[in-house]
Amino acid sequence: MKRCILCLTVLLLVFGLANQTKANLTLDFVGGYALSPYGDTIGGWNFNVTSPITVNGLGFWDEGSNGLSGNHDVGLWNGDGTVLLASTTITNASTPAGSTSPDGRWLFNDIQDLILPPGNYFLGATFLDGDPDQARLEATESTISGITFIQARQRVFTSSLAFPEEPIGFWVDDGVFGPNLQVAVPEPTTLLLIGSGLLGLAGFRRKLKK
């Protein structure tokens, strides 16, 4: 009888571990420099999902890990920008998450689990003109398995959360970090990273190299 109970316990543990999930960042980076936008701007990036993922959090970059000067809305859109799939407001009460970068941290809010099937999606966050909560540009990034970074995006002259309709890769290298995603993935998993970018005549402008 004891042997049967032991076997059943082992089976339950194995089954539990096989189905265990944990939260992971889809975006992280090292290097780059911090910059504020010129004019109110929605900054973010679009990406392609090649195999289904479950999003369970939205986040925002906290440069310097010293807290935000204001709140930032973060949104996730479908491939043509017609549907806002999820949104949240990141504040200093949001949950901190560590970064591979020594220059800051992430702040996250949980959202209801959202399964993203293969396809294109857009992520954006609000920035104010000259925002002290700076994004980080020209950093080195990579993506988790199943996600491919496509292009930096923005929408200028708006302080309200809106679809980042304008591609801006011409003005800045990959790696403008502001909004972020958190996903649940089966264990074991290998965490890679993802980058973003945003820029235009308004919005974030490329830093001149001396």
N, C-alpha and C. Protein backbone atom coordinates (compact mmCIF):
# COMPACT_ATOMS: atom_id res chain seq x y z
N MET A 1 0.83 -1.21 0.00
CA MET A 1 0.00 0.00 0.00
C MET A 1 0.86 1.25 0.00
N LYS A 2 1.91 1.26 0.85
CA LYS A 2 2.80 2.41 0.93
C LYS A 2 3.52 2.62 -0.40
N ARG A 3 3.91 1.47 -1.04
CA ARG A 3 4.58 1.57 -2.34
C ARG A 3 3.66 2.16 -3.39
N CYS A 4 2.39 1.83 -3.35
CA CYS A 4 1.42 2.38 -4.30
C CYS A 4 1.26 3.88 -4.10
N ILE A 5 1.19 4.28 -2.82
CA ILE A 5 1.05 5.71 -2.51
C ILE A 5 2.28 6.47 -2.99
N LEU A 6 3.47 5.85 -2.78
CA LEU A 6 4.71 6.49 -3.21
C LEU A 6 4.74 6.65 -4.72
N CYS A 7 4.34 5.57 -5.43
CA CYS A 7 4.32 5.63 -6.91
C CYS A 7 3.36 6.71 -7.40
N LEU A 8 2.19 6.78 -6.76
CA LEU A 8 1.20 7.78 -7.15
C LEU A 8 1.74 9.18 -6.91
N THR A 9 2.43 9.37 -5.79
CA THR A 9 3.01 10.68 -5.47
C THR A 9 4.05 11.09 -6.50
N VAL A 10 4.91 10.13 -6.90
CA VAL A 10 5.93 10.41 -7.91
C VAL A 10 5.29 10.79 -9.24
N LEU A 11 4.24 10.05 -9.62
CA LEU A 11 3.55 10.35 -10.88
C LEU A 11 2.94 11.74 -10.87
N LEU A 12 2.34 12.11 -9.75
CA LEU A 12 1.74 13.44 -9.63
C LEU A 12 2.81 14.52 -9.71
N LEU A 13 3.95 14.30 -9.09
CA LEU A 13 5.05 15.27 -9.14
C LEU A 13 5.57 15.44 -10.56
N VAL A 14 5.75 14.29 -11.24
CA VAL A 14 6.24 14.34 -12.62
C VAL A 14 5.24 15.05 -13.51
N PHE A 15 3.94 14.74 -13.35
CA PHE A 15 2.91 15.39 -14.14
C PHE A 15 2.89 16.89 -13.87
N GLY A 16 3.03 17.26 -12.61
CA GLY A 16 3.02 18.67 -12.24
C GLY A 16 4.19 19.42 -12.83
N LEU A 17 5.39 18.83 -12.77
CA LEU A 17 6.57 19.47 -13.34
C LEU A 17 6.45 19.60 -14.84
N ALA A 18 5.87 18.60 -15.48
CA ALA A 18 5.74 18.64 -16.94
C ALA A 18 4.83 19.75 -17.39
N ASN A 19 3.87 20.12 -16.51
CA ASN A 19 2.91 21.15 -16.89
C ASN A 19 3.18 22.48 -16.20
N GLN A 20 4.30 22.57 -15.49
CA GLN A 20 4.63 23.80 -14.78
C GLN A 20 4.99 24.90 -15.76
N THR A 21 4.60 26.11 -15.47
CA THR A 21 4.96 27.24 -16.29
C THR A 21 5.57 28.33 -15.43
N LYS A 22 6.31 29.22 -16.05
CA LYS A 22 6.85 30.36 -15.32
C LYS A 22 6.86 31.56 -16.24
N ALA A 23 6.89 32.73 -15.64
CA ALA A 23 6.85 33.96 -16.42
C ALA A 23 8.24 34.29 -16.93
N ASN A 24 8.34 34.77 -18.17
CA ASN A 24 9.61 35.16 -18.77
C ASN A 24 9.42 36.45 -19.57
N LEU A 25 10.48 37.23 -19.61
CA LEU A 25 10.49 38.42 -20.47
C LEU A 25 10.63 37.98 -21.91
N THR A 26 9.95 38.67 -22.81
CA THR A 26 10.21 38.47 -24.23
C THR A 26 11.22 39.49 -24.75
N LEU A 27 11.52 40.48 -23.96
CA LEU A 27 12.40 41.56 -24.39
C LEU A 27 13.39 41.88 -23.27
N ASP A 28 14.66 41.89 -23.63
CA ASP A 28 15.71 42.37 -22.72
C ASP A 28 16.90 42.77 -23.57
N PHE A 29 17.93 43.31 -22.97
CA PHE A 29 19.01 43.88 -23.77
C PHE A 29 20.22 44.18 -22.91
N VAL A 30 21.32 44.53 -23.58
CA VAL A 30 22.49 45.12 -22.93
C VAL A 30 22.98 46.26 -23.81
N GLY A 31 23.63 47.25 -23.19
CA GLY A 31 24.21 48.36 -23.95
C GLY A 31 23.21 49.42 -24.34
N GLY A 32 23.59 50.24 -25.31
CA GLY A 32 22.75 51.33 -25.77
C GLY A 32 22.86 52.58 -24.92
N TYR A 33 22.01 53.55 -25.18
CA TYR A 33 21.98 54.79 -24.42
C TYR A 33 20.54 55.25 -24.25
N ALA A 34 20.29 56.08 -23.23
CA ALA A 34 18.93 56.52 -22.91
C ALA A 34 18.62 57.83 -23.62
N LEU A 35 17.36 57.99 -24.04
CA LEU A 35 16.93 59.20 -24.74
C LEU A 35 15.44 59.43 -24.53
N SER A 36 15.06 60.72 -24.44
CA SER A 36 13.66 61.12 -24.33
C SER A 36 13.14 61.55 -25.70
N PRO A 37 11.83 61.46 -25.94
CA PRO A 37 11.28 61.85 -27.24
C PRO A 37 11.13 63.35 -27.37
N TYR A 38 11.04 63.81 -28.60
CA TYR A 38 10.72 65.19 -28.92
C TYR A 38 9.25 65.25 -29.28
N GLY A 39 8.43 65.66 -28.36
CA GLY A 39 6.98 65.65 -28.57
C GLY A 39 6.36 64.40 -27.96
N ASP A 40 5.09 64.51 -27.59
CA ASP A 40 4.38 63.35 -27.07
C ASP A 40 4.38 62.25 -28.13
N THR A 41 4.69 61.03 -27.70
CA THR A 41 4.92 59.95 -28.66
C THR A 41 4.44 58.62 -28.11
N ILE A 42 3.88 57.79 -28.99
CA ILE A 42 3.68 56.38 -28.70
C ILE A 42 4.85 55.64 -29.31
N GLY A 43 5.62 54.97 -28.49
CA GLY A 43 6.79 54.26 -28.99
C GLY A 43 6.67 52.77 -28.76
N GLY A 44 7.17 51.98 -29.70
CA GLY A 44 7.12 50.53 -29.53
C GLY A 44 7.69 49.78 -30.70
N TRP A 45 7.17 48.61 -30.95
CA TRP A 45 7.71 47.73 -31.99
C TRP A 45 6.66 46.72 -32.40
N ASN A 46 6.83 46.15 -33.60
CA ASN A 46 5.96 45.05 -33.99
C ASN A 46 6.78 43.79 -34.17
N PHE A 47 6.10 42.66 -34.05
CA PHE A 47 6.79 41.38 -34.03
C PHE A 47 5.91 40.31 -34.62
N ASN A 48 6.54 39.22 -35.00
CA ASN A 48 5.84 38.08 -35.57
C ASN A 48 5.91 36.90 -34.61
N VAL A 49 4.78 36.27 -34.38
CA VAL A 49 4.71 35.06 -33.57
C VAL A 49 4.70 33.87 -34.52
N THR A 50 5.68 32.99 -34.37
CA THR A 50 5.78 31.83 -35.26
C THR A 50 5.19 30.56 -34.65
N SER A 51 5.06 30.54 -33.33
CA SER A 51 4.36 29.45 -32.64
C SER A 51 3.62 30.06 -31.46
N PRO A 52 2.46 29.53 -31.10
CA PRO A 52 1.60 30.19 -30.10
C PRO A 52 2.33 30.49 -28.79
N ILE A 53 2.06 31.67 -28.23
CA ILE A 53 2.59 32.05 -26.92
C ILE A 53 1.43 32.54 -26.06
N THR A 54 1.62 32.49 -24.76
CA THR A 54 0.62 32.99 -23.82
C THR A 54 1.19 34.21 -23.10
N VAL A 55 0.63 35.37 -23.39
CA VAL A 55 1.05 36.61 -22.75
C VAL A 55 0.32 36.74 -21.42
N ASN A 56 1.06 37.00 -20.34
CA ASN A 56 0.42 37.17 -19.03
C ASN A 56 0.84 38.45 -18.31
N GLY A 57 1.55 39.33 -19.03
CA GLY A 57 1.93 40.60 -18.42
C GLY A 57 2.38 41.61 -19.46
N LEU A 58 2.19 42.90 -19.15
CA LEU A 58 2.70 44.00 -19.96
C LEU A 58 3.58 44.87 -19.07
N GLY A 59 4.65 45.40 -19.64
CA GLY A 59 5.60 46.14 -18.82
C GLY A 59 6.18 47.36 -19.49
N PHE A 60 7.04 48.05 -18.71
CA PHE A 60 7.67 49.29 -19.18
C PHE A 60 9.05 49.40 -18.55
N TRP A 61 9.99 49.98 -19.29
CA TRP A 61 11.38 50.10 -18.85
C TRP A 61 11.54 51.24 -17.84
N ASP A 62 12.22 50.96 -16.73
CA ASP A 62 12.52 51.96 -15.70
C ASP A 62 14.02 52.25 -15.74
N GLU A 63 14.40 53.24 -16.51
CA GLU A 63 15.80 53.63 -16.64
C GLU A 63 16.34 54.08 -15.28
N GLY A 64 17.48 53.49 -14.89
CA GLY A 64 18.10 53.86 -13.62
C GLY A 64 17.54 53.13 -12.42
N SER A 65 16.48 52.37 -12.60
CA SER A 65 15.84 51.61 -11.51
C SER A 65 15.46 52.49 -10.32
N ASN A 66 15.13 53.75 -10.61
CA ASN A 66 14.83 54.69 -9.51
C ASN A 66 13.38 55.14 -9.52
N GLY A 67 12.53 54.39 -10.19
CA GLY A 67 11.11 54.73 -10.21
C GLY A 67 10.76 55.64 -11.37
N LEU A 68 9.50 55.67 -11.73
CA LEU A 68 9.01 56.47 -12.85
C LEU A 68 8.58 57.85 -12.38
N SER A 69 8.73 58.83 -13.27
CA SER A 69 8.28 60.18 -12.96
C SER A 69 6.78 60.33 -13.20
N GLY A 70 6.22 59.43 -13.99
CA GLY A 70 4.78 59.46 -14.28
C GLY A 70 4.32 58.08 -14.70
N ASN A 71 3.03 57.94 -14.88
CA ASN A 71 2.47 56.66 -15.31
C ASN A 71 2.57 56.50 -16.83
N HIS A 72 2.62 55.27 -17.29
CA HIS A 72 2.74 54.99 -18.73
C HIS A 72 1.76 53.90 -19.12
N ASP A 73 0.92 54.20 -20.11
CA ASP A 73 0.00 53.21 -20.65
C ASP A 73 0.74 52.35 -21.66
N VAL A 74 0.47 51.05 -21.62
CA VAL A 74 1.08 50.09 -22.53
C VAL A 74 -0.04 49.29 -23.19
N GLY A 75 0.05 49.10 -24.51
CA GLY A 75 -0.98 48.38 -25.23
C GLY A 75 -0.41 47.37 -26.21
N LEU A 76 -1.21 46.34 -26.49
CA LEU A 76 -0.87 45.29 -27.45
C LEU A 76 -1.98 45.21 -28.48
N TRP A 77 -1.61 45.32 -29.78
CA TRP A 77 -2.59 45.34 -30.87
C TRP A 77 -2.44 44.14 -31.79
N ASN A 78 -3.50 43.85 -32.52
CA ASN A 78 -3.44 42.82 -33.55
C ASN A 78 -2.67 43.33 -34.77
N GLY A 79 -2.60 42.48 -35.81
CA GLY A 79 -1.71 42.75 -36.93
C GLY A 79 -2.00 43.98 -37.75
N ASP A 80 -3.26 44.41 -37.83
CA ASP A 80 -3.56 45.62 -38.60
C ASP A 80 -3.92 46.81 -37.71
N GLY A 81 -3.77 46.63 -36.40
CA GLY A 81 -4.00 47.74 -35.48
C GLY A 81 -5.45 48.07 -35.21
N THR A 82 -6.36 47.22 -35.65
CA THR A 82 -7.79 47.53 -35.49
C THR A 82 -8.34 47.08 -34.13
N VAL A 83 -7.60 46.19 -33.44
CA VAL A 83 -8.08 45.67 -32.16
C VAL A 83 -7.00 45.82 -31.10
N LEU A 84 -7.34 46.51 -30.01
CA LEU A 84 -6.45 46.58 -28.85
C LEU A 84 -6.71 45.33 -28.02
N LEU A 85 -5.77 44.40 -28.05
CA LEU A 85 -5.97 43.10 -27.42
C LEU A 85 -5.83 43.16 -25.90
N ALA A 86 -4.96 44.03 -25.42
CA ALA A 86 -4.73 44.15 -23.97
C ALA A 86 -4.05 45.48 -23.71
N SER A 87 -4.29 46.02 -22.52
CA SER A 87 -3.63 47.27 -22.12
C SER A 87 -3.55 47.35 -20.61
N THR A 88 -2.65 48.17 -20.13
CA THR A 88 -2.50 48.38 -18.69
C THR A 88 -1.77 49.70 -18.47
N THR A 89 -1.78 50.19 -17.25
CA THR A 89 -1.05 51.39 -16.89
C THR A 89 0.04 51.03 -15.89
N ILE A 90 1.28 51.26 -16.29
CA ILE A 90 2.42 50.95 -15.44
C ILE A 90 2.70 52.14 -14.52
N THR A 91 2.83 51.85 -13.23
CA THR A 91 3.10 52.86 -12.21
C THR A 91 4.24 52.37 -11.33
N ASN A 92 4.59 53.18 -10.35
CA ASN A 92 5.63 52.76 -9.41
C ASN A 92 5.16 51.65 -8.48
N ALA A 93 3.87 51.36 -8.50
CA ALA A 93 3.34 50.24 -7.73
C ALA A 93 3.39 48.93 -8.52
N SER A 94 3.78 48.99 -9.79
CA SER A 94 3.89 47.78 -10.61
C SER A 94 5.04 46.91 -10.12
N THR A 95 5.03 45.65 -10.50
CA THR A 95 6.00 44.68 -10.00
C THR A 95 7.33 44.79 -10.73
N PRO A 96 8.44 44.99 -10.00
CA PRO A 96 9.76 45.08 -10.64
C PRO A 96 10.20 43.72 -11.18
N ALA A 97 10.93 43.75 -12.28
CA ALA A 97 11.53 42.55 -12.84
C ALA A 97 12.95 42.89 -13.27
N GLY A 98 13.89 42.02 -12.97
CA GLY A 98 15.29 42.28 -13.29
C GLY A 98 15.56 42.25 -14.78
N SER A 99 16.67 42.87 -15.16
CA SER A 99 17.10 42.95 -16.55
C SER A 99 18.53 42.47 -16.67
N THR A 100 18.91 42.03 -17.87
CA THR A 100 20.31 41.72 -18.13
C THR A 100 21.14 42.99 -18.20
N SER A 101 20.47 44.12 -18.41
CA SER A 101 21.15 45.41 -18.45
C SER A 101 21.36 45.95 -17.03
N PRO A 102 22.54 46.52 -16.73
CA PRO A 102 22.76 47.14 -15.42
C PRO A 102 22.19 48.54 -15.35
N ASP A 103 21.57 49.01 -16.44
CA ASP A 103 21.13 50.41 -16.54
C ASP A 103 19.69 50.64 -16.08
N GLY A 104 19.00 49.60 -15.67
CA GLY A 104 17.62 49.79 -15.24
C GLY A 104 16.95 48.48 -14.93
N ARG A 105 15.63 48.51 -14.90
CA ARG A 105 14.82 47.34 -14.60
C ARG A 105 13.50 47.48 -15.36
N TRP A 106 12.70 46.44 -15.28
CA TRP A 106 11.36 46.45 -15.86
C TRP A 106 10.32 46.56 -14.76
N LEU A 107 9.18 47.16 -15.08
CA LEU A 107 8.03 47.18 -14.19
C LEU A 107 6.86 46.53 -14.94
N PHE A 108 6.19 45.57 -14.31
CA PHE A 108 5.15 44.79 -14.98
C PHE A 108 3.84 44.79 -14.22
N ASN A 109 2.76 44.72 -14.98
CA ASN A 109 1.43 44.42 -14.45
C ASN A 109 0.97 43.10 -15.05
N ASP A 110 0.38 42.24 -14.24
CA ASP A 110 -0.22 41.02 -14.76
C ASP A 110 -1.47 41.36 -15.56
N ILE A 111 -1.71 40.60 -16.60
CA ILE A 111 -2.97 40.69 -17.34
C ILE A 111 -3.56 39.28 -17.43
N GLN A 112 -4.82 39.20 -17.79
CA GLN A 112 -5.43 37.89 -18.00
C GLN A 112 -4.71 37.18 -19.13
N ASP A 113 -4.43 35.89 -18.95
CA ASP A 113 -3.71 35.13 -19.97
C ASP A 113 -4.32 35.35 -21.34
N LEU A 114 -3.46 35.66 -22.29
CA LEU A 114 -3.89 35.95 -23.66
C LEU A 114 -3.05 35.12 -24.62
N ILE A 115 -3.67 34.18 -25.31
CA ILE A 115 -2.94 33.33 -26.26
C ILE A 115 -2.84 34.05 -27.60
N LEU A 116 -1.61 34.21 -28.08
CA LEU A 116 -1.37 34.81 -29.39
C LEU A 116 -1.01 33.71 -30.38
N PRO A 117 -1.89 33.43 -31.34
CA PRO A 117 -1.56 32.46 -32.39
C PRO A 117 -0.55 33.07 -33.36
N PRO A 118 0.03 32.27 -34.25
CA PRO A 118 0.98 32.82 -35.23
C PRO A 118 0.39 34.01 -35.98
N GLY A 119 1.22 35.03 -36.18
CA GLY A 119 0.79 36.25 -36.86
C GLY A 119 1.60 37.43 -36.38
N ASN A 120 1.23 38.62 -36.88
CA ASN A 120 1.93 39.85 -36.52
C ASN A 120 1.17 40.61 -35.44
N TYR A 121 1.94 41.29 -34.55
CA TYR A 121 1.37 42.04 -33.45
C TYR A 121 2.19 43.30 -33.20
N PHE A 122 1.58 44.26 -32.50
CA PHE A 122 2.22 45.54 -32.24
C PHE A 122 2.15 45.86 -30.74
N LEU A 123 3.23 46.44 -30.23
CA LEU A 123 3.30 46.84 -28.83
C LEU A 123 3.70 48.30 -28.77
N GLY A 124 3.02 49.08 -27.92
CA GLY A 124 3.33 50.51 -27.82
C GLY A 124 3.11 51.03 -26.42
N ALA A 125 3.79 52.14 -26.09
CA ALA A 125 3.65 52.77 -24.77
C ALA A 125 3.68 54.28 -24.92
N THR A 126 3.07 54.98 -23.97
CA THR A 126 3.02 56.44 -24.00
C THR A 126 4.30 57.05 -23.43
N PHE A 127 4.81 58.06 -24.13
CA PHE A 127 5.91 58.90 -23.66
C PHE A 127 5.50 60.36 -23.84
N LEU A 128 5.84 61.21 -22.89
CA LEU A 128 5.58 62.64 -23.01
C LEU A 128 6.79 63.36 -23.59
N ASP A 129 6.56 64.54 -24.10
CA ASP A 129 7.64 65.38 -24.65
C ASP A 129 8.73 65.56 -23.61
N GLY A 130 9.97 65.19 -23.96
CA GLY A 130 11.09 65.31 -23.03
C GLY A 130 10.97 64.45 -21.80
N ASP A 131 10.28 63.33 -21.91
CA ASP A 131 9.96 62.48 -20.76
C ASP A 131 11.20 62.10 -19.95
N PRO A 132 11.19 62.34 -18.62
CA PRO A 132 12.30 61.88 -17.78
C PRO A 132 12.40 60.35 -17.75
N ASP A 133 11.30 59.67 -18.04
CA ASP A 133 11.31 58.22 -18.14
C ASP A 133 11.78 57.84 -19.54
N GLN A 134 13.07 57.73 -19.69
CA GLN A 134 13.67 57.57 -21.01
C GLN A 134 13.61 56.14 -21.52
N ALA A 135 13.54 56.03 -22.82
CA ALA A 135 13.72 54.74 -23.49
C ALA A 135 15.21 54.54 -23.72
N ARG A 136 15.60 53.32 -24.03
CA ARG A 136 17.01 53.02 -24.30
C ARG A 136 17.16 52.59 -25.75
N LEU A 137 18.10 53.22 -26.45
CA LEU A 137 18.29 53.03 -27.88
C LEU A 137 19.59 52.30 -28.18
N GLU A 138 19.63 51.71 -29.38
CA GLU A 138 20.81 51.07 -29.95
C GLU A 138 21.45 50.07 -28.99
N ALA A 139 20.61 49.28 -28.36
CA ALA A 139 21.08 48.22 -27.48
C ALA A 139 21.16 46.91 -28.26
N THR A 140 21.77 45.91 -27.65
CA THR A 140 21.89 44.59 -28.27
C THR A 140 20.81 43.68 -27.73
N GLU A 141 20.00 43.13 -28.60
CA GLU A 141 18.82 42.37 -28.20
C GLU A 141 18.70 41.06 -28.95
N SER A 142 17.83 40.19 -28.47
CA SER A 142 17.45 38.96 -29.17
C SER A 142 16.05 38.57 -28.71
N THR A 143 15.51 37.50 -29.28
CA THR A 143 14.12 37.16 -28.99
C THR A 143 13.98 35.77 -28.40
N ILE A 144 12.92 35.57 -27.64
CA ILE A 144 12.62 34.22 -27.20
C ILE A 144 12.19 33.38 -28.39
N SER A 145 12.28 32.09 -28.24
CA SER A 145 11.86 31.18 -29.30
C SER A 145 10.38 31.39 -29.60
N GLY A 146 10.05 31.47 -30.87
CA GLY A 146 8.67 31.65 -31.29
C GLY A 146 8.29 33.08 -31.58
N ILE A 147 9.21 34.03 -31.34
CA ILE A 147 8.94 35.44 -31.61
C ILE A 147 10.08 36.02 -32.44
N THR A 148 9.73 36.78 -33.46
CA THR A 148 10.72 37.45 -34.31
C THR A 148 10.45 38.94 -34.34
N PHE A 149 11.44 39.74 -33.92
CA PHE A 149 11.31 41.20 -34.00
C PHE A 149 11.25 41.62 -35.46
N ILE A 150 10.35 42.56 -35.77
CA ILE A 150 10.22 43.03 -37.15
C ILE A 150 10.74 44.45 -37.31
N GLN A 151 10.19 45.40 -36.56
CA GLN A 151 10.48 46.79 -36.88
C GLN A 151 10.10 47.72 -35.73
N ALA A 152 10.85 48.81 -35.59
CA ALA A 152 10.50 49.86 -34.64
C ALA A 152 9.27 50.61 -35.14
N ARG A 153 8.40 51.03 -34.21
CA ARG A 153 7.18 51.74 -34.57
C ARG A 153 6.95 52.93 -33.64
N GLN A 154 6.20 53.92 -34.14
CA GLN A 154 5.83 55.05 -33.29
C GLN A 154 4.57 55.73 -33.83
N ARG A 155 4.02 56.60 -33.01
CA ARG A 155 2.95 57.51 -33.42
C ARG A 155 3.20 58.80 -32.68
N VAL A 156 3.42 59.88 -33.41
CA VAL A 156 3.86 61.13 -32.79
C VAL A 156 2.68 62.07 -32.53
N PHE A 157 2.95 63.03 -31.62
CA PHE A 157 2.01 64.10 -31.28
C PHE A 157 0.71 63.58 -30.68
N THR A 158 0.83 62.58 -29.83
CA THR A 158 -0.33 62.10 -29.06
C THR A 158 0.15 61.60 -27.71
N SER A 159 -0.62 61.95 -26.67
CA SER A 159 -0.30 61.49 -25.32
C SER A 159 -1.23 60.38 -24.87
N SER A 160 -2.21 60.05 -25.70
CA SER A 160 -3.16 58.98 -25.39
C SER A 160 -2.73 57.70 -26.10
N LEU A 161 -2.94 56.57 -25.45
CA LEU A 161 -2.53 55.30 -26.02
C LEU A 161 -3.20 55.08 -27.37
N ALA A 162 -2.39 54.85 -28.40
CA ALA A 162 -2.89 54.68 -29.76
C ALA A 162 -1.96 53.76 -30.53
N PHE A 163 -2.48 53.15 -31.57
CA PHE A 163 -1.73 52.22 -32.40
C PHE A 163 -0.49 52.91 -32.98
N PRO A 164 0.72 52.35 -32.78
CA PRO A 164 1.94 52.94 -33.32
C PRO A 164 2.10 52.62 -34.81
N GLU A 165 1.51 53.45 -35.63
CA GLU A 165 1.32 53.13 -37.05
C GLU A 165 2.55 53.37 -37.92
N GLU A 166 3.49 54.16 -37.46
CA GLU A 166 4.60 54.60 -38.32
C GLU A 166 5.86 53.77 -38.10
N PRO A 167 6.40 53.13 -39.16
CA PRO A 167 7.69 52.44 -39.03
C PRO A 167 8.83 53.46 -38.94
N ILE A 168 9.79 53.20 -38.09
CA ILE A 168 10.85 54.19 -37.86
C ILE A 168 12.24 53.59 -37.82
N GLY A 169 12.41 52.43 -38.40
CA GLY A 169 13.71 51.77 -38.37
C GLY A 169 14.82 52.56 -39.03
N PHE A 170 14.47 53.46 -39.97
CA PHE A 170 15.49 54.24 -40.67
C PHE A 170 16.27 55.13 -39.72
N TRP A 171 15.59 55.60 -38.65
CA TRP A 171 16.20 56.61 -37.79
C TRP A 171 17.01 56.05 -36.65
N VAL A 172 16.84 54.81 -36.33
CA VAL A 172 17.53 54.25 -35.16
C VAL A 172 17.71 52.75 -35.33
N ASP A 173 18.82 52.24 -34.80
CA ASP A 173 19.06 50.81 -34.83
C ASP A 173 18.06 50.08 -33.93
N ASP A 174 17.94 48.77 -34.12
CA ASP A 174 17.12 47.97 -33.21
C ASP A 174 17.57 48.24 -31.78
N GLY A 175 16.61 48.27 -30.87
CA GLY A 175 16.96 48.39 -29.47
C GLY A 175 16.49 49.65 -28.79
N VAL A 176 15.31 50.17 -29.16
CA VAL A 176 14.69 51.25 -28.39
C VAL A 176 13.71 50.58 -27.43
N PHE A 177 14.05 50.58 -26.17
CA PHE A 177 13.28 49.82 -25.19
C PHE A 177 12.40 50.73 -24.36
N GLY A 178 11.12 50.38 -24.33
CA GLY A 178 10.12 51.06 -23.52
C GLY A 178 9.11 50.01 -23.09
N PRO A 179 8.13 49.66 -23.96
CA PRO A 179 7.16 48.62 -23.61
C PRO A 179 7.77 47.22 -23.72
N ASN A 180 7.13 46.29 -23.03
CA ASN A 180 7.62 44.92 -23.02
C ASN A 180 6.47 43.95 -22.80
N LEU A 181 6.72 42.69 -23.09
CA LEU A 181 5.77 41.60 -22.87
C LEU A 181 6.35 40.59 -21.88
N GLN A 182 5.47 39.96 -21.16
CA GLN A 182 5.85 38.84 -20.31
C GLN A 182 5.01 37.65 -20.73
N VAL A 183 5.66 36.49 -20.92
CA VAL A 183 4.94 35.31 -21.39
C VAL A 183 5.13 34.14 -20.44
N ALA A 184 4.17 33.24 -20.44
CA ALA A 184 4.29 31.98 -19.72
C ALA A 184 4.73 30.92 -20.71
N VAL A 185 5.79 30.20 -20.38
CA VAL A 185 6.30 29.15 -21.27
C VAL A 185 6.52 27.89 -20.46
N PRO A 186 6.40 26.72 -21.09
CA PRO A 186 6.62 25.46 -20.38
C PRO A 186 8.07 25.36 -19.92
N GLU A 187 8.30 24.73 -18.78
CA GLU A 187 9.64 24.42 -18.33
C GLU A 187 10.03 23.03 -18.83
N PRO A 188 11.34 22.79 -19.12
CA PRO A 188 12.39 23.80 -19.08
C PRO A 188 12.32 24.70 -20.30
N THR A 189 12.91 25.87 -20.18
CA THR A 189 12.90 26.82 -21.28
C THR A 189 14.21 27.55 -21.37
N THR A 190 14.53 28.02 -22.54
CA THR A 190 15.74 28.82 -22.73
C THR A 190 15.30 30.24 -22.99
N LEU A 191 15.70 31.16 -22.10
CA LEU A 191 15.31 32.56 -22.25
C LEU A 191 16.28 33.26 -23.17
N LEU A 192 15.76 33.69 -24.32
CA LEU A 192 16.49 34.60 -25.16
C LEU A 192 15.88 35.96 -24.92
N LEU A 193 16.01 36.91 -25.85
CA LEU A 193 15.54 38.26 -25.59
C LEU A 193 14.97 38.87 -26.87
N ILE A 194 14.41 40.07 -26.77
CA ILE A 194 13.89 40.75 -27.96
C ILE A 194 14.18 42.22 -27.89
N GLY A 195 14.33 42.84 -29.03
CA GLY A 195 14.61 44.26 -29.03
C GLY A 195 13.50 45.06 -29.66
N SER A 196 13.61 46.36 -29.57
CA SER A 196 12.63 47.22 -30.19
C SER A 196 13.30 48.48 -30.68
N GLY A 197 12.55 49.28 -31.42
CA GLY A 197 13.09 50.54 -31.84
C GLY A 197 11.98 51.50 -32.19
N LEU A 198 12.28 52.79 -32.14
CA LEU A 198 11.30 53.79 -32.54
C LEU A 198 12.01 55.09 -32.80
N LEU A 199 11.54 55.81 -33.83
CA LEU A 199 12.16 57.08 -34.16
C LEU A 199 11.52 57.75 -35.36
N GLY A 200 11.62 59.06 -35.45
CA GLY A 200 11.15 59.82 -36.58
C GLY A 200 11.58 61.25 -36.46
N LEU A 201 11.08 62.12 -37.29
CA LEU A 201 11.40 63.53 -37.18
C LEU A 201 10.95 64.07 -35.85
N ALA A 202 9.75 63.67 -35.43
CA ALA A 202 9.35 63.87 -34.04
C ALA A 202 9.59 62.55 -33.35
N GLY A 203 9.28 62.51 -32.05
CA GLY A 203 9.55 61.28 -31.32
C GLY A 203 11.02 61.18 -30.95
N PHE A 204 11.54 59.96 -30.92
CA PHE A 204 12.94 59.79 -30.55
C PHE A 204 13.82 60.10 -31.75
N ARG A 205 14.87 60.88 -31.54
CA ARG A 205 15.80 61.22 -32.59
C ARG A 205 17.15 60.58 -32.34
N ARG A 206 17.78 60.11 -33.39
CA ARG A 206 19.07 59.45 -33.26
C ARG A 206 20.10 60.37 -32.63
N LYS A 207 20.87 59.84 -31.71
CA LYS A 207 21.93 60.61 -31.05
C LYS A 207 23.08 60.81 -32.03
N LEU A 208 23.53 62.05 -32.17
CA LEU A 208 24.65 62.35 -33.05
C LEU A 208 25.94 61.86 -32.41
N LYS A 209 26.75 61.16 -33.17
CA LYS A 209 28.01 60.66 -32.65
C LYS A 209 29.11 61.68 -32.90
N LYS A 210 29.84 62.00 -31.84
CA LYS A 210 30.91 63.00 -31.96
C LYS A 210 32.19 62.36 -32.50
